[in-house]
Amino acid sequence: MARAIFSRPARNRLQVIRCRPLATTVLKESLTLRLLMSRLAQCFRLMVGVQDYQTYLRHMQQHHPANKAMTEKEFHRYCLEARFPSVAGKVGKCPC
């Protein structure tokens, strides 16, 4: 009965007090599920070392609008260099 709340009047008939449209509830649940899945995918990508370029661009636009953002190729090169440094003496994670 589409998530309605009922009360019983004196004559034993059900009376609808409040009813929410099913379409908006389903839409909210699908948006929540979509958000959950995208965050989960982002989490797995970060676990294996794949950085999110779109998040970086959004961050640069919001917090550093005067600075020029790196290109996608520069961004991924920067992330690889940060994770596996090639310069001698620079402390980083071991690739093995």
C-alpha atoms as a PDB file:
ATOM      1  CA  MET A   1       0.000   0.000   0.000  1.00  0.00           C
ATOM      2  CA  ALA A   2       2.830   2.430  -0.965  1.00  0.00           C
ATOM      3  CA  ARG A   3       4.149   3.138   2.504  1.00  0.00           C
ATOM      4  CA  ALA A   4       0.955   4.614   3.894  1.00  0.00           C
ATOM      5  CA  ILE A   5       0.288   4.969   7.599  1.00  0.00           C
ATOM      6  CA  PHE A   6      -3.145   3.873   8.694  1.00  0.00           C
ATOM      7  CA  SER A   7      -5.304   4.445  11.739  1.00  0.00           C
ATOM      8  CA  ARG A   8      -8.469   2.607  12.730  1.00  0.00           C
ATOM      9  CA  PRO A   9     -11.508   4.780  13.344  1.00  0.00           C
ATOM     10  CA  ALA A  10     -14.462   3.561  15.372  1.00  0.00           C
ATOM     11  CA  ARG A  11     -16.175   1.753  12.422  1.00  0.00           C
ATOM     12  CA  ASN A  12     -13.200  -0.580  11.668  1.00  0.00           C
ATOM     13  CA  ARG A  13     -12.424   1.040   8.341  1.00  0.00           C
ATOM     14  CA  LEU A  14      -8.876   1.974   7.475  1.00  0.00           C
ATOM     15  CA  GLN A  15      -8.222   5.613   6.828  1.00  0.00           C
ATOM     16  CA  VAL A  16      -5.075   6.912   5.095  1.00  0.00           C
ATOM     17  CA  ILE A  17      -3.389   9.617   7.148  1.00  0.00           C
ATOM     18  CA  ARG A  18      -0.192  10.153   5.154  1.00  0.00           C
ATOM     19  CA  CYS A  19       1.100   8.696   1.910  1.00  0.00           C
ATOM     20  CA  ARG A  20       4.441   9.338   0.211  1.00  0.00           C
ATOM     21  CA  PRO A  21       4.725   9.029  -3.568  1.00  0.00           C
ATOM     22  CA  LEU A  22       6.631   5.875  -4.418  1.00  0.00           C
ATOM     23  CA  ALA A  23       8.512   7.424  -7.365  1.00  0.00           C
ATOM     24  CA  THR A  24      10.434   9.968  -5.269  1.00  0.00           C
ATOM     25  CA  THR A  25      11.343   7.355  -2.675  1.00  0.00           C
ATOM     26  CA  VAL A  26      12.662   4.968  -5.333  1.00  0.00           C
ATOM     27  CA  LEU A  27      14.556   7.822  -7.003  1.00  0.00           C
ATOM     28  CA  LYS A  28      16.254   8.791  -3.734  1.00  0.00           C
ATOM     29  CA  GLU A  29      17.185   5.162  -3.056  1.00  0.00           C
ATOM     30  CA  SER A  30      18.674   4.747  -6.545  1.00  0.00           C
ATOM     31  CA  LEU A  31      20.689   7.975  -6.155  1.00  0.00           C
ATOM     32  CA  THR A  32      21.937   6.780  -2.789  1.00  0.00           C
ATOM     33  CA  LEU A  33      22.882   3.423  -4.284  1.00  0.00           C
ATOM     34  CA  ARG A  34      24.613   5.116  -7.227  1.00  0.00           C
ATOM     35  CA  LEU A  35      26.581   7.363  -4.832  1.00  0.00           C
ATOM     36  CA  LEU A  36      27.536   4.370  -2.702  1.00  0.00           C
ATOM     37  CA  MET A  37      28.749   2.419  -5.732  1.00  0.00           C
ATOM     38  CA  SER A  38      30.796   5.339  -7.081  1.00  0.00           C
ATOM     39  CA  ARG A  39      32.438   5.918  -3.680  1.00  0.00           C
ATOM     40  CA  LEU A  40      33.171   2.204  -3.374  1.00  0.00           C
ATOM     41  CA  ALA A  41      34.748   2.160  -6.849  1.00  0.00           C
ATOM     42  CA  GLN A  42      36.827   5.220  -5.956  1.00  0.00           C
ATOM     43  CA  CYS A  43      37.974   3.490  -2.752  1.00  0.00           C
ATOM     44  CA  PHE A  44      39.102   0.392  -4.647  1.00  0.00           C
ATOM     45  CA  ARG A  45      40.926   2.522  -7.228  1.00  0.00           C
ATOM     46  CA  LEU A  46      42.776   4.370  -4.478  1.00  0.00           C
ATOM     47  CA  MET A  47      43.729   1.045  -2.843  1.00  0.00           C
ATOM     48  CA  VAL A  48      45.528  -0.076  -5.985  1.00  0.00           C
ATOM     49  CA  GLY A  49      47.071   3.342  -6.614  1.00  0.00           C
ATOM     50  CA  VAL A  50      44.906   4.779  -9.391  1.00  0.00           C
ATOM     51  CA  GLN A  51      44.250   8.435  -8.570  1.00  0.00           C
ATOM     52  CA  ASP A  52      41.047  10.225  -9.598  1.00  0.00           C
ATOM     53  CA  TYR A  53      41.804  13.040 -12.041  1.00  0.00           C
ATOM     54  CA  GLN A  54      38.240  14.436 -12.006  1.00  0.00           C
ATOM     55  CA  THR A  55      38.362  14.824  -8.213  1.00  0.00           C
ATOM     56  CA  TYR A  56      41.720  16.603  -8.562  1.00  0.00           C
ATOM     57  CA  LEU A  57      40.236  19.015 -11.139  1.00  0.00           C
ATOM     58  CA  ARG A  58      37.230  19.716  -8.920  1.00  0.00           C
ATOM     59  CA  HIS A  59      39.551  20.381  -5.963  1.00  0.00           C
ATOM     60  CA  MET A  60      41.718  22.745  -8.023  1.00  0.00           C
ATOM     61  CA  GLN A  61      38.674  24.695  -9.241  1.00  0.00           C
ATOM     62  CA  GLN A  62      37.193  25.035  -5.758  1.00  0.00           C
ATOM     63  CA  HIS A  63      40.311  25.692  -3.665  1.00  0.00           C
ATOM     64  CA  HIS A  64      42.970  27.002  -6.071  1.00  0.00           C
ATOM     65  CA  PRO A  65      41.216  28.813  -8.933  1.00  0.00           C
ATOM     66  CA  ALA A  66      44.238  31.070  -9.642  1.00  0.00           C
ATOM     67  CA  ASN A  67      46.592  28.103 -10.218  1.00  0.00           C
ATOM     68  CA  LYS A  68      46.668  26.144 -13.458  1.00  0.00           C
ATOM     69  CA  ALA A  69      45.748  22.470 -13.072  1.00  0.00           C
ATOM     70  CA  MET A  70      48.059  19.750 -14.394  1.00  0.00           C
ATOM     71  CA  THR A  71      47.094  17.863 -17.514  1.00  0.00           C
ATOM     72  CA  GLU A  72      45.910  14.309 -17.037  1.00  0.00           C
ATOM     73  CA  LYS A  73      49.258  12.917 -18.195  1.00  0.00           C
ATOM     74  CA  GLU A  74      51.196  15.212 -15.823  1.00  0.00           C
ATOM     75  CA  PHE A  75      48.853  14.300 -12.978  1.00  0.00           C
ATOM     76  CA  HIS A  76      49.353  10.554 -13.388  1.00  0.00           C
ATOM     77  CA  ARG A  77      53.129  11.015 -13.756  1.00  0.00           C
ATOM     78  CA  TYR A  78      53.145  13.087 -10.544  1.00  0.00           C
ATOM     79  CA  CYS A  79      51.173  10.375  -8.687  1.00  0.00           C
ATOM     80  CA  LEU A  80      53.537   7.637  -9.891  1.00  0.00           C
ATOM     81  CA  GLU A  81      56.566   9.698  -8.900  1.00  0.00           C
ATOM     82  CA  ALA A  82      55.086  10.330  -5.457  1.00  0.00           C
ATOM     83  CA  ARG A  83      54.414   6.637  -4.956  1.00  0.00           C
ATOM     84  CA  PHE A  84      57.579   5.210  -6.525  1.00  0.00           C
ATOM     85  CA  PRO A  85      60.326   7.877  -6.403  1.00  0.00           C
ATOM     86  CA  SER A  86      63.087   7.558  -8.987  1.00  0.00           C
ATOM     87  CA  VAL A  87      65.368  10.218  -7.463  1.00  0.00           C
ATOM     88  CA  ALA A  88      68.127   8.764  -5.284  1.00  0.00           C
ATOM     89  CA  GLY A  89      67.785   9.586  -1.599  1.00  0.00           C
ATOM     90  CA  LYS A  90      64.103  10.377  -1.769  1.00  0.00           C
ATOM     91  CA  VAL A  91      62.117   8.293   0.715  1.00  0.00           C
ATOM     92  CA  GLY A  92      58.961   6.687  -0.668  1.00  0.00           C
ATOM     93  CA  LYS A  93      57.152   3.406  -0.921  1.00  0.00           C
ATOM     94  CA  CYS A  94      59.066   0.405  -2.166  1.00  0.00           C
ATOM     95  CA  PRO A  95      57.707  -0.923  -5.486  1.00  0.00           C
ATOM     96  CA  CYS A  96      58.343  -4.546  -4.530  1.00  0.00           C
END
